[in-house]
């Protein structure tokens, strides 16, 4: 028998490194999507995948009316909620804010839920914005930070999305460019 869910349980939407490394207690993990936003490598990372003066690039969500962004939603029980949020606030301190999101699940019950996501908006100090994909790939190949090399982030995100059967043309195109550059010694 499934336990009744508390109204205070929290859904957290992961669309970047949270997908493969949530690093917080959760009782449920489900593929989910949000509508009206696309995942883009437009956020600079000076604390995880780059350093000040040489930022790496990580994903954020950007408004795009027709877009659907797939990721993973994690359900955190009410008793763990505050601690998990404190940890995530620290992890995502490099320009990300907590924002409410409307989650859509592929299957099961519920089919929809309210949740939060960490989003880096234009105007934060580390926001890099759009650039040609080859330029982004070059920056990614050169970047490394305390959490490891930036190419690892891109390639792991692409591999995890593929393993989950989730599509993302931007991520897959960047991973192809980053991977090709690594084979040549880059």
N, C-alpha and C. Protein backbone atom coordinates (compact mmCIF):
# COMPACT_ATOMS: atom_id res chain seq x y z
N UNK A 1 0.84 -1.19 0.00
CA UNK A 1 0.00 0.00 0.00
C UNK A 1 0.88 1.24 0.00
N UNK A 2 0.54 2.22 -0.80
CA UNK A 2 1.30 3.47 -0.90
C UNK A 2 0.85 4.42 0.20
N UNK A 3 1.83 4.99 0.90
CA UNK A 3 1.50 5.94 1.97
C UNK A 3 0.92 7.22 1.38
N UNK A 4 0.01 7.82 2.09
CA UNK A 4 -0.59 9.09 1.68
C UNK A 4 0.50 10.17 1.65
N UNK A 5 0.52 10.98 0.62
CA UNK A 5 1.51 12.05 0.49
C UNK A 5 1.07 13.28 1.26
N UNK A 6 2.01 13.83 2.00
CA UNK A 6 1.74 15.05 2.74
C UNK A 6 1.63 16.21 1.77
N UNK A 7 0.78 17.15 2.10
CA UNK A 7 0.68 18.36 1.27
C UNK A 7 1.97 19.16 1.28
N UNK A 8 2.81 18.88 2.25
CA UNK A 8 4.06 19.62 2.36
C UNK A 8 5.23 18.95 1.65
N UNK A 9 5.01 17.77 1.08
CA UNK A 9 6.08 17.17 0.29
C UNK A 9 6.42 18.13 -0.85
N UNK A 10 7.62 18.05 -1.33
CA UNK A 10 8.10 18.99 -2.33
C UNK A 10 8.64 18.24 -3.53
N UNK A 11 8.23 18.66 -4.72
CA UNK A 11 8.80 18.14 -5.97
C UNK A 11 9.88 19.10 -6.44
N UNK A 12 11.05 18.59 -6.73
CA UNK A 12 12.16 19.38 -7.25
C UNK A 12 12.46 18.89 -8.66
N UNK A 13 12.45 19.81 -9.62
CA UNK A 13 12.70 19.46 -11.03
C UNK A 13 14.18 19.60 -11.34
N UNK A 14 14.78 18.49 -11.75
CA UNK A 14 16.18 18.50 -12.18
C UNK A 14 16.25 18.41 -13.69
N UNK A 15 17.05 19.28 -14.28
CA UNK A 15 17.19 19.29 -15.74
C UNK A 15 18.65 19.35 -16.16
N UNK A 16 19.57 19.44 -15.18
CA UNK A 16 21.01 19.45 -15.44
C UNK A 16 21.66 18.37 -14.59
N UNK A 17 22.66 18.75 -13.82
CA UNK A 17 23.40 17.76 -13.02
C UNK A 17 22.54 17.10 -11.95
N UNK A 18 21.45 17.73 -11.55
CA UNK A 18 20.56 17.08 -10.56
C UNK A 18 20.02 15.77 -11.10
N UNK A 19 19.91 15.63 -12.42
CA UNK A 19 19.37 14.40 -13.00
C UNK A 19 20.23 13.20 -12.60
N UNK A 20 21.55 13.33 -12.69
CA UNK A 20 22.41 12.18 -12.38
C UNK A 20 23.06 12.26 -11.00
N UNK A 21 23.04 13.43 -10.38
CA UNK A 21 23.66 13.55 -9.05
C UNK A 21 22.81 14.48 -8.18
N UNK A 22 21.65 13.99 -7.74
CA UNK A 22 20.82 14.86 -6.92
C UNK A 22 21.48 15.18 -5.57
N UNK A 23 22.14 14.23 -4.96
CA UNK A 23 22.85 14.42 -3.69
C UNK A 23 21.94 14.93 -2.57
N UNK A 24 20.69 14.51 -2.59
CA UNK A 24 19.77 14.81 -1.50
C UNK A 24 18.79 13.65 -1.37
N UNK A 25 18.25 13.51 -0.17
CA UNK A 25 17.29 12.44 0.11
C UNK A 25 15.98 12.72 -0.64
N UNK A 26 15.48 11.70 -1.28
CA UNK A 26 14.18 11.78 -1.94
C UNK A 26 13.52 10.40 -1.90
N UNK A 27 12.21 10.40 -1.96
CA UNK A 27 11.47 9.14 -1.86
C UNK A 27 10.88 8.70 -3.19
N UNK A 28 10.97 9.56 -4.18
CA UNK A 28 10.44 9.22 -5.50
C UNK A 28 11.20 10.02 -6.54
N UNK A 29 11.39 9.38 -7.70
CA UNK A 29 12.09 9.99 -8.83
C UNK A 29 11.32 9.60 -10.08
N UNK A 30 10.87 10.62 -10.85
CA UNK A 30 10.06 10.34 -12.03
C UNK A 30 10.43 11.27 -13.18
N UNK A 31 10.46 10.76 -14.42
CA UNK A 31 10.60 11.66 -15.57
C UNK A 31 9.45 12.66 -15.55
N UNK A 32 9.77 13.91 -15.83
CA UNK A 32 8.77 14.97 -15.83
C UNK A 32 9.19 16.04 -16.83
N UNK A 33 8.23 16.86 -17.20
CA UNK A 33 8.54 17.96 -18.11
C UNK A 33 7.92 19.24 -17.58
N UNK A 34 8.46 20.34 -18.08
CA UNK A 34 7.84 21.64 -17.89
C UNK A 34 7.64 22.23 -19.27
N UNK A 35 6.64 23.04 -19.40
CA UNK A 35 6.31 23.62 -20.71
C UNK A 35 6.64 25.10 -20.72
N UNK A 36 6.99 25.59 -21.92
CA UNK A 36 7.27 27.01 -22.08
C UNK A 36 8.71 27.41 -21.79
N UNK A 37 9.58 26.42 -21.56
CA UNK A 37 11.00 26.69 -21.31
C UNK A 37 11.85 25.66 -22.03
N UNK A 38 13.04 26.09 -22.46
CA UNK A 38 14.01 25.21 -23.09
C UNK A 38 15.28 25.19 -22.26
N UNK A 39 15.98 24.06 -22.28
CA UNK A 39 17.26 23.90 -21.58
C UNK A 39 18.36 24.42 -22.51
N UNK A 40 19.18 25.35 -22.01
CA UNK A 40 20.25 25.93 -22.81
C UNK A 40 21.53 26.08 -21.98
N UNK A 41 22.67 25.91 -22.61
CA UNK A 41 23.97 26.11 -21.97
C UNK A 41 24.34 27.59 -22.01
N UNK A 42 23.56 28.39 -21.30
CA UNK A 42 23.74 29.84 -21.32
C UNK A 42 24.21 30.39 -19.98
N UNK A 43 24.39 29.54 -18.97
CA UNK A 43 24.81 30.00 -17.65
C UNK A 43 26.29 29.70 -17.44
N UNK A 44 27.02 30.70 -17.00
CA UNK A 44 28.42 30.51 -16.65
C UNK A 44 28.54 29.84 -15.30
N UNK A 45 29.55 29.01 -15.15
CA UNK A 45 29.82 28.34 -13.88
C UNK A 45 31.23 28.68 -13.43
N UNK A 46 31.32 29.46 -12.36
CA UNK A 46 32.63 29.80 -11.80
C UNK A 46 32.89 29.06 -10.49
N UNK A 47 31.92 28.22 -10.08
CA UNK A 47 32.07 27.51 -8.80
C UNK A 47 32.02 25.99 -8.94
N UNK A 48 31.64 25.47 -10.09
CA UNK A 48 31.57 24.02 -10.28
C UNK A 48 32.34 23.55 -11.51
N UNK A 49 32.03 24.08 -12.68
CA UNK A 49 32.63 23.59 -13.93
C UNK A 49 33.54 24.61 -14.60
N UNK A 50 33.90 25.63 -13.84
CA UNK A 50 34.83 26.65 -14.29
C UNK A 50 35.31 27.39 -13.07
N UNK A 51 36.04 28.46 -13.30
CA UNK A 51 36.57 29.29 -12.21
C UNK A 51 36.38 30.75 -12.57
N UNK A 52 36.46 31.65 -11.58
CA UNK A 52 36.37 33.07 -11.92
C UNK A 52 37.40 33.43 -12.99
N UNK A 53 36.97 34.17 -13.97
CA UNK A 53 37.84 34.56 -15.08
C UNK A 53 37.88 33.55 -16.20
N UNK A 54 37.45 32.32 -15.95
CA UNK A 54 37.40 31.27 -16.97
C UNK A 54 36.19 30.37 -16.68
N UNK A 55 34.99 30.93 -16.83
CA UNK A 55 33.79 30.14 -16.50
C UNK A 55 33.55 28.99 -17.46
N UNK A 56 32.99 27.92 -16.92
CA UNK A 56 32.46 26.86 -17.75
C UNK A 56 31.03 27.23 -18.11
N UNK A 57 30.36 26.32 -18.79
CA UNK A 57 28.95 26.54 -19.14
C UNK A 57 28.11 25.38 -18.63
N UNK A 58 26.99 25.74 -17.99
CA UNK A 58 26.02 24.76 -17.51
C UNK A 58 24.65 25.18 -18.01
N UNK A 59 23.68 24.30 -17.83
CA UNK A 59 22.35 24.60 -18.36
C UNK A 59 21.52 25.45 -17.41
N UNK A 60 20.64 26.18 -18.02
CA UNK A 60 19.57 26.88 -17.33
C UNK A 60 18.31 26.73 -18.19
N UNK A 61 17.21 27.22 -17.69
CA UNK A 61 15.97 27.21 -18.44
C UNK A 61 15.70 28.61 -18.96
N UNK A 62 15.38 28.69 -20.25
CA UNK A 62 15.06 29.98 -20.85
C UNK A 62 13.65 29.93 -21.43
N UNK A 63 12.92 31.04 -21.32
CA UNK A 63 11.55 31.05 -21.86
C UNK A 63 11.54 30.80 -23.36
N UNK A 64 10.69 29.88 -23.76
CA UNK A 64 10.46 29.58 -25.18
C UNK A 64 9.06 29.00 -25.26
N UNK A 65 8.10 29.79 -25.70
CA UNK A 65 6.68 29.43 -25.58
C UNK A 65 6.31 28.03 -26.04
N UNK A 66 6.84 27.54 -27.14
CA UNK A 66 6.42 26.23 -27.66
C UNK A 66 7.26 25.07 -27.12
N UNK A 67 8.24 25.35 -26.31
CA UNK A 67 9.18 24.31 -25.86
C UNK A 67 8.61 23.45 -24.75
N UNK A 68 9.13 22.23 -24.69
CA UNK A 68 8.89 21.31 -23.59
C UNK A 68 10.26 20.80 -23.16
N UNK A 69 10.58 20.97 -21.90
CA UNK A 69 11.87 20.51 -21.38
C UNK A 69 11.63 19.31 -20.47
N UNK A 70 12.24 18.18 -20.82
CA UNK A 70 12.13 16.96 -20.01
C UNK A 70 13.31 16.87 -19.06
N UNK A 71 13.02 16.36 -17.88
CA UNK A 71 14.04 16.12 -16.88
C UNK A 71 13.52 15.10 -15.89
N UNK A 72 13.94 15.24 -14.65
CA UNK A 72 13.52 14.31 -13.60
C UNK A 72 13.01 15.10 -12.41
N UNK A 73 11.86 14.68 -11.88
CA UNK A 73 11.30 15.29 -10.68
C UNK A 73 11.57 14.37 -9.49
N UNK A 74 12.01 14.96 -8.41
CA UNK A 74 12.32 14.23 -7.18
C UNK A 74 11.34 14.68 -6.10
N UNK A 75 10.71 13.71 -5.43
CA UNK A 75 9.80 14.06 -4.34
C UNK A 75 10.54 13.95 -3.02
N UNK A 76 10.53 15.05 -2.29
CA UNK A 76 11.17 15.15 -0.98
C UNK A 76 10.06 15.22 0.06
N UNK A 77 10.16 14.37 1.09
CA UNK A 77 9.13 14.38 2.14
C UNK A 77 9.25 15.64 2.98
N UNK A 78 8.13 16.02 3.56
CA UNK A 78 8.05 17.27 4.33
C UNK A 78 9.13 17.37 5.40
N UNK A 79 9.43 16.28 6.08
CA UNK A 79 10.42 16.30 7.17
C UNK A 79 11.83 16.64 6.68
N UNK A 80 12.12 16.37 5.41
CA UNK A 80 13.45 16.62 4.84
C UNK A 80 13.52 17.91 4.04
N UNK A 81 12.39 18.51 3.79
CA UNK A 81 12.26 19.65 2.89
C UNK A 81 13.23 20.80 3.19
N UNK A 82 13.23 21.32 4.40
CA UNK A 82 14.06 22.48 4.73
C UNK A 82 15.55 22.19 4.57
N UNK A 83 15.99 21.03 5.01
CA UNK A 83 17.40 20.66 4.88
C UNK A 83 17.82 20.50 3.42
N UNK A 84 16.94 19.88 2.63
CA UNK A 84 17.25 19.71 1.21
C UNK A 84 17.34 21.06 0.53
N UNK A 85 16.41 21.96 0.82
CA UNK A 85 16.44 23.29 0.20
C UNK A 85 17.69 24.08 0.62
N UNK A 86 18.09 23.97 1.88
CA UNK A 86 19.33 24.65 2.30
C UNK A 86 20.53 24.14 1.51
N UNK A 87 20.61 22.82 1.35
CA UNK A 87 21.71 22.24 0.58
C UNK A 87 21.69 22.67 -0.87
N UNK A 88 20.51 22.67 -1.48
CA UNK A 88 20.41 23.08 -2.88
C UNK A 88 20.65 24.57 -3.06
N UNK A 89 20.19 25.38 -2.12
CA UNK A 89 20.46 26.81 -2.20
C UNK A 89 21.97 27.07 -2.22
N UNK A 90 22.71 26.30 -1.43
CA UNK A 90 24.17 26.44 -1.41
C UNK A 90 24.77 25.93 -2.73
N UNK A 91 24.34 24.77 -3.16
CA UNK A 91 24.87 24.16 -4.40
C UNK A 91 24.62 25.06 -5.61
N UNK A 92 23.46 25.69 -5.66
CA UNK A 92 23.06 26.49 -6.82
C UNK A 92 23.27 27.99 -6.62
N UNK A 93 24.18 28.35 -5.74
CA UNK A 93 24.38 29.76 -5.38
C UNK A 93 25.01 30.60 -6.49
N UNK A 94 25.52 29.99 -7.52
CA UNK A 94 26.21 30.72 -8.58
C UNK A 94 25.30 31.38 -9.59
N UNK A 95 24.17 31.95 -9.15
CA UNK A 95 23.30 32.69 -10.05
C UNK A 95 21.92 32.08 -10.23
N UNK A 96 21.65 30.98 -9.57
CA UNK A 96 20.36 30.30 -9.72
C UNK A 96 19.40 30.72 -8.62
N UNK A 97 18.12 30.87 -8.99
CA UNK A 97 17.05 31.19 -8.05
C UNK A 97 16.04 30.05 -8.07
N UNK A 98 15.37 29.86 -6.95
CA UNK A 98 14.25 28.90 -6.87
C UNK A 98 13.05 29.52 -7.56
N UNK A 99 12.44 28.78 -8.46
CA UNK A 99 11.23 29.28 -9.12
C UNK A 99 10.17 28.17 -9.12
N UNK A 100 8.90 28.55 -8.99
CA UNK A 100 7.84 27.54 -9.06
C UNK A 100 7.68 27.04 -10.49
N UNK A 101 7.39 25.75 -10.63
CA UNK A 101 7.16 25.16 -11.95
C UNK A 101 5.96 24.23 -11.87
N UNK A 102 5.31 24.08 -12.99
CA UNK A 102 4.19 23.15 -13.14
C UNK A 102 4.73 21.91 -13.83
N UNK A 103 4.79 20.80 -13.12
CA UNK A 103 5.37 19.56 -13.63
C UNK A 103 4.31 18.70 -14.31
N UNK A 104 4.72 18.07 -15.40
CA UNK A 104 3.86 17.14 -16.13
C UNK A 104 4.59 15.80 -16.17
N UNK A 105 3.94 14.74 -15.69
CA UNK A 105 4.54 13.42 -15.66
C UNK A 105 4.08 12.59 -16.84
N UNK A 106 4.95 11.70 -17.30
CA UNK A 106 4.61 10.84 -18.43
C UNK A 106 3.52 9.85 -18.08
N UNK A 107 3.60 9.30 -16.90
CA UNK A 107 2.67 8.25 -16.51
C UNK A 107 2.47 8.25 -15.01
N UNK A 108 1.49 7.51 -14.58
CA UNK A 108 1.26 7.36 -13.15
C UNK A 108 0.39 8.46 -12.58
N UNK A 109 0.27 8.40 -11.28
CA UNK A 109 -0.53 9.39 -10.57
C UNK A 109 0.36 10.07 -9.56
N UNK A 110 0.37 11.35 -9.43
CA UNK A 110 -0.42 12.29 -10.21
C UNK A 110 0.16 12.50 -11.61
N UNK A 111 -0.64 13.04 -12.51
CA UNK A 111 -0.16 13.37 -13.86
C UNK A 111 0.49 14.74 -13.89
N UNK A 112 0.13 15.59 -12.91
CA UNK A 112 0.70 16.94 -12.80
C UNK A 112 0.95 17.24 -11.33
N UNK A 113 1.91 18.13 -11.09
CA UNK A 113 2.19 18.56 -9.71
C UNK A 113 2.90 19.91 -9.77
N UNK A 114 2.78 20.64 -8.69
CA UNK A 114 3.55 21.86 -8.54
C UNK A 114 4.89 21.49 -7.94
N UNK A 115 5.93 22.21 -8.36
CA UNK A 115 7.26 21.95 -7.84
C UNK A 115 8.11 23.20 -7.93
N UNK A 116 9.39 23.01 -7.76
CA UNK A 116 10.35 24.10 -7.93
C UNK A 116 11.49 23.63 -8.82
N UNK A 117 12.14 24.60 -9.42
CA UNK A 117 13.37 24.36 -10.19
C UNK A 117 14.31 25.51 -9.87
N UNK A 118 15.59 25.25 -10.02
CA UNK A 118 16.59 26.30 -9.86
C UNK A 118 16.93 26.80 -11.26
N UNK A 119 16.70 28.10 -11.48
CA UNK A 119 16.86 28.69 -12.81
C UNK A 119 17.77 29.91 -12.70
N UNK A 120 18.72 29.98 -13.63
CA UNK A 120 19.61 31.15 -13.73
C UNK A 120 19.03 32.06 -14.80
N UNK A 121 18.59 33.22 -14.38
CA UNK A 121 17.95 34.15 -15.31
C UNK A 121 18.96 35.15 -15.86
N UNK A 122 18.63 35.69 -17.02
CA UNK A 122 19.45 36.76 -17.60
C UNK A 122 19.56 37.87 -16.57
N UNK A 123 20.73 38.46 -16.44
CA UNK A 123 20.93 39.53 -15.48
C UNK A 123 21.69 39.08 -14.25
N UNK A 124 21.77 37.76 -14.00
CA UNK A 124 22.60 37.33 -12.87
C UNK A 124 24.06 37.47 -13.28
N UNK A 125 24.97 37.64 -12.34
CA UNK A 125 26.37 37.95 -12.67
C UNK A 125 27.08 36.90 -13.53
N UNK A 126 26.60 35.66 -13.53
CA UNK A 126 27.27 34.60 -14.30
C UNK A 126 26.56 34.24 -15.60
N UNK A 127 25.48 34.96 -15.93
CA UNK A 127 24.74 34.62 -17.14
C UNK A 127 25.56 34.99 -18.37
N UNK A 128 25.76 34.03 -19.26
CA UNK A 128 26.55 34.25 -20.47
C UNK A 128 25.68 34.44 -21.70
N UNK A 129 24.50 33.87 -21.68
CA UNK A 129 23.58 34.03 -22.81
C UNK A 129 23.94 33.18 -24.00
N UNK A 130 23.21 33.40 -25.10
CA UNK A 130 23.40 32.58 -26.28
C UNK A 130 24.73 32.86 -26.97
N UNK A 131 25.18 31.86 -27.71
CA UNK A 131 26.38 31.96 -28.54
C UNK A 131 26.28 30.84 -29.57
N UNK A 132 27.03 30.94 -30.65
CA UNK A 132 27.03 29.83 -31.61
C UNK A 132 27.47 28.53 -30.91
N UNK A 133 26.88 27.42 -31.31
CA UNK A 133 27.15 26.14 -30.66
C UNK A 133 28.64 25.77 -30.69
N UNK A 134 29.33 26.07 -31.78
CA UNK A 134 30.76 25.76 -31.84
C UNK A 134 31.55 26.59 -30.83
N UNK A 135 31.14 27.82 -30.60
CA UNK A 135 31.79 28.67 -29.60
C UNK A 135 31.55 28.13 -28.18
N UNK A 136 30.31 27.72 -27.92
CA UNK A 136 29.99 27.12 -26.62
C UNK A 136 30.83 25.86 -26.42
N UNK A 137 30.92 25.02 -27.45
CA UNK A 137 31.70 23.78 -27.35
C UNK A 137 33.16 24.06 -27.05
N UNK A 138 33.73 25.08 -27.69
CA UNK A 138 35.13 25.43 -27.42
C UNK A 138 35.32 25.88 -25.98
N UNK A 139 34.42 26.68 -25.48
CA UNK A 139 34.51 27.13 -24.10
C UNK A 139 34.39 25.94 -23.14
N UNK A 140 33.47 25.04 -23.42
CA UNK A 140 33.28 23.86 -22.58
C UNK A 140 34.55 23.01 -22.57
N UNK A 141 35.13 22.78 -23.74
CA UNK A 141 36.34 21.94 -23.82
C UNK A 141 37.50 22.53 -23.01
N UNK A 142 37.59 23.84 -22.91
CA UNK A 142 38.68 24.50 -22.18
C UNK A 142 38.45 24.61 -20.68
N UNK A 143 37.22 24.39 -20.22
CA UNK A 143 36.86 24.73 -18.84
C UNK A 143 36.94 23.53 -17.89
N UNK A 144 37.37 23.88 -16.68
CA UNK A 144 37.47 22.90 -15.59
C UNK A 144 37.27 23.67 -14.29
N UNK A 145 36.57 23.04 -13.34
CA UNK A 145 36.34 23.68 -12.06
C UNK A 145 36.42 22.67 -10.93
N UNK A 146 36.06 23.10 -9.72
CA UNK A 146 36.13 22.21 -8.55
C UNK A 146 35.30 20.92 -8.69
N UNK A 147 34.24 20.93 -9.49
CA UNK A 147 33.42 19.73 -9.67
C UNK A 147 33.89 18.87 -10.84
N UNK A 148 34.96 19.31 -11.52
CA UNK A 148 35.52 18.51 -12.61
C UNK A 148 35.50 19.25 -13.94
N UNK A 149 35.91 18.54 -14.99
CA UNK A 149 35.96 19.15 -16.32
C UNK A 149 34.56 19.41 -16.87
N UNK A 150 34.43 20.54 -17.53
CA UNK A 150 33.14 20.92 -18.11
C UNK A 150 32.64 19.91 -19.16
N UNK A 151 33.54 19.34 -20.00
CA UNK A 151 33.03 18.35 -20.95
C UNK A 151 32.32 17.18 -20.28
N UNK A 152 32.79 16.77 -19.10
CA UNK A 152 32.14 15.68 -18.37
C UNK A 152 30.67 16.02 -18.10
N UNK A 153 30.39 17.26 -17.70
CA UNK A 153 29.02 17.70 -17.42
C UNK A 153 28.15 17.54 -18.67
N UNK A 154 28.64 18.04 -19.80
CA UNK A 154 27.86 17.99 -21.04
C UNK A 154 27.61 16.54 -21.47
N UNK A 155 28.67 15.75 -21.48
CA UNK A 155 28.55 14.37 -21.96
C UNK A 155 27.71 13.51 -21.01
N UNK A 156 27.84 13.75 -19.73
CA UNK A 156 27.04 12.98 -18.76
C UNK A 156 25.56 13.36 -18.85
N UNK A 157 25.28 14.65 -19.04
CA UNK A 157 23.89 15.07 -19.21
C UNK A 157 23.29 14.41 -20.44
N UNK A 158 24.01 14.44 -21.56
CA UNK A 158 23.50 13.83 -22.79
C UNK A 158 23.29 12.33 -22.61
N UNK A 159 24.23 11.64 -22.00
CA UNK A 159 24.11 10.19 -21.80
C UNK A 159 22.93 9.86 -20.89
N UNK A 160 22.73 10.65 -19.85
CA UNK A 160 21.63 10.39 -18.92
C UNK A 160 20.29 10.63 -19.59
N UNK A 161 20.18 11.71 -20.36
CA UNK A 161 18.93 11.97 -21.08
C UNK A 161 18.63 10.82 -22.05
N UNK A 162 19.63 10.37 -22.77
CA UNK A 162 19.43 9.25 -23.70
C UNK A 162 18.99 7.99 -22.95
N UNK A 163 19.64 7.70 -21.82
CA UNK A 163 19.30 6.50 -21.04
C UNK A 163 17.85 6.55 -20.55
N UNK A 164 17.36 7.75 -20.28
CA UNK A 164 15.98 7.91 -19.82
C UNK A 164 14.99 8.00 -20.98
N UNK A 165 15.50 8.00 -22.22
CA UNK A 165 14.63 8.12 -23.39
C UNK A 165 14.09 9.52 -23.58
N UNK A 166 14.84 10.54 -23.10
CA UNK A 166 14.40 11.93 -23.19
C UNK A 166 15.20 12.65 -24.27
N UNK A 167 14.55 13.44 -25.07
CA UNK A 167 15.17 14.14 -26.19
C UNK A 167 15.54 15.57 -25.82
N UNK A 168 16.67 16.03 -26.34
CA UNK A 168 17.04 17.44 -26.23
C UNK A 168 18.07 17.74 -27.31
N UNK A 169 17.60 18.35 -28.38
CA UNK A 169 18.44 18.62 -29.55
C UNK A 169 19.65 19.50 -29.20
N UNK A 170 19.46 20.51 -28.37
CA UNK A 170 20.55 21.42 -27.99
C UNK A 170 21.65 20.65 -27.24
N UNK A 171 21.27 19.86 -26.26
CA UNK A 171 22.25 19.09 -25.48
C UNK A 171 22.97 18.08 -26.36
N UNK A 172 22.23 17.36 -27.18
CA UNK A 172 22.83 16.32 -28.01
C UNK A 172 23.78 16.92 -29.06
N UNK A 173 23.41 18.05 -29.64
CA UNK A 173 24.28 18.70 -30.63
C UNK A 173 25.56 19.20 -29.97
N UNK A 174 25.45 19.76 -28.77
CA UNK A 174 26.64 20.23 -28.07
C UNK A 174 27.51 19.05 -27.65
N UNK A 175 26.92 17.99 -27.16
CA UNK A 175 27.69 16.81 -26.75
C UNK A 175 28.45 16.23 -27.93
N UNK A 176 27.85 16.23 -29.10
CA UNK A 176 28.53 15.73 -30.30
C UNK A 176 29.76 16.58 -30.61
N UNK A 177 29.62 17.89 -30.51
CA UNK A 177 30.75 18.78 -30.79
C UNK A 177 31.84 18.66 -29.72
N UNK A 178 31.42 18.58 -28.47
CA UNK A 178 32.39 18.47 -27.36
C UNK A 178 33.12 17.13 -27.47
N UNK A 179 32.39 16.05 -27.72
CA UNK A 179 33.01 14.73 -27.86
C UNK A 179 33.97 14.65 -29.03
N UNK A 180 33.59 15.25 -30.17
CA UNK A 180 34.45 15.25 -31.35
C UNK A 180 35.73 16.01 -31.06
N UNK A 181 35.64 17.12 -30.34
CA UNK A 181 36.83 17.91 -30.01
C UNK A 181 37.76 17.17 -29.08
N UNK A 182 37.23 16.32 -28.21
CA UNK A 182 38.06 15.57 -27.26
C UNK A 182 38.85 14.50 -27.97
N UNK A 183 38.25 13.87 -29.01
CA UNK A 183 38.94 12.81 -29.74
C UNK A 183 40.19 13.34 -30.39
N UNK A 184 40.17 14.60 -30.80
CA UNK A 184 41.33 15.19 -31.46
C UNK A 184 42.34 15.73 -30.46
N UNK A 185 42.20 15.39 -29.18
CA UNK A 185 43.17 15.83 -28.21
C UNK A 185 42.80 17.13 -27.56
N UNK A 186 41.58 17.69 -27.89
CA UNK A 186 41.17 18.98 -27.37
C UNK A 186 40.62 18.86 -26.06
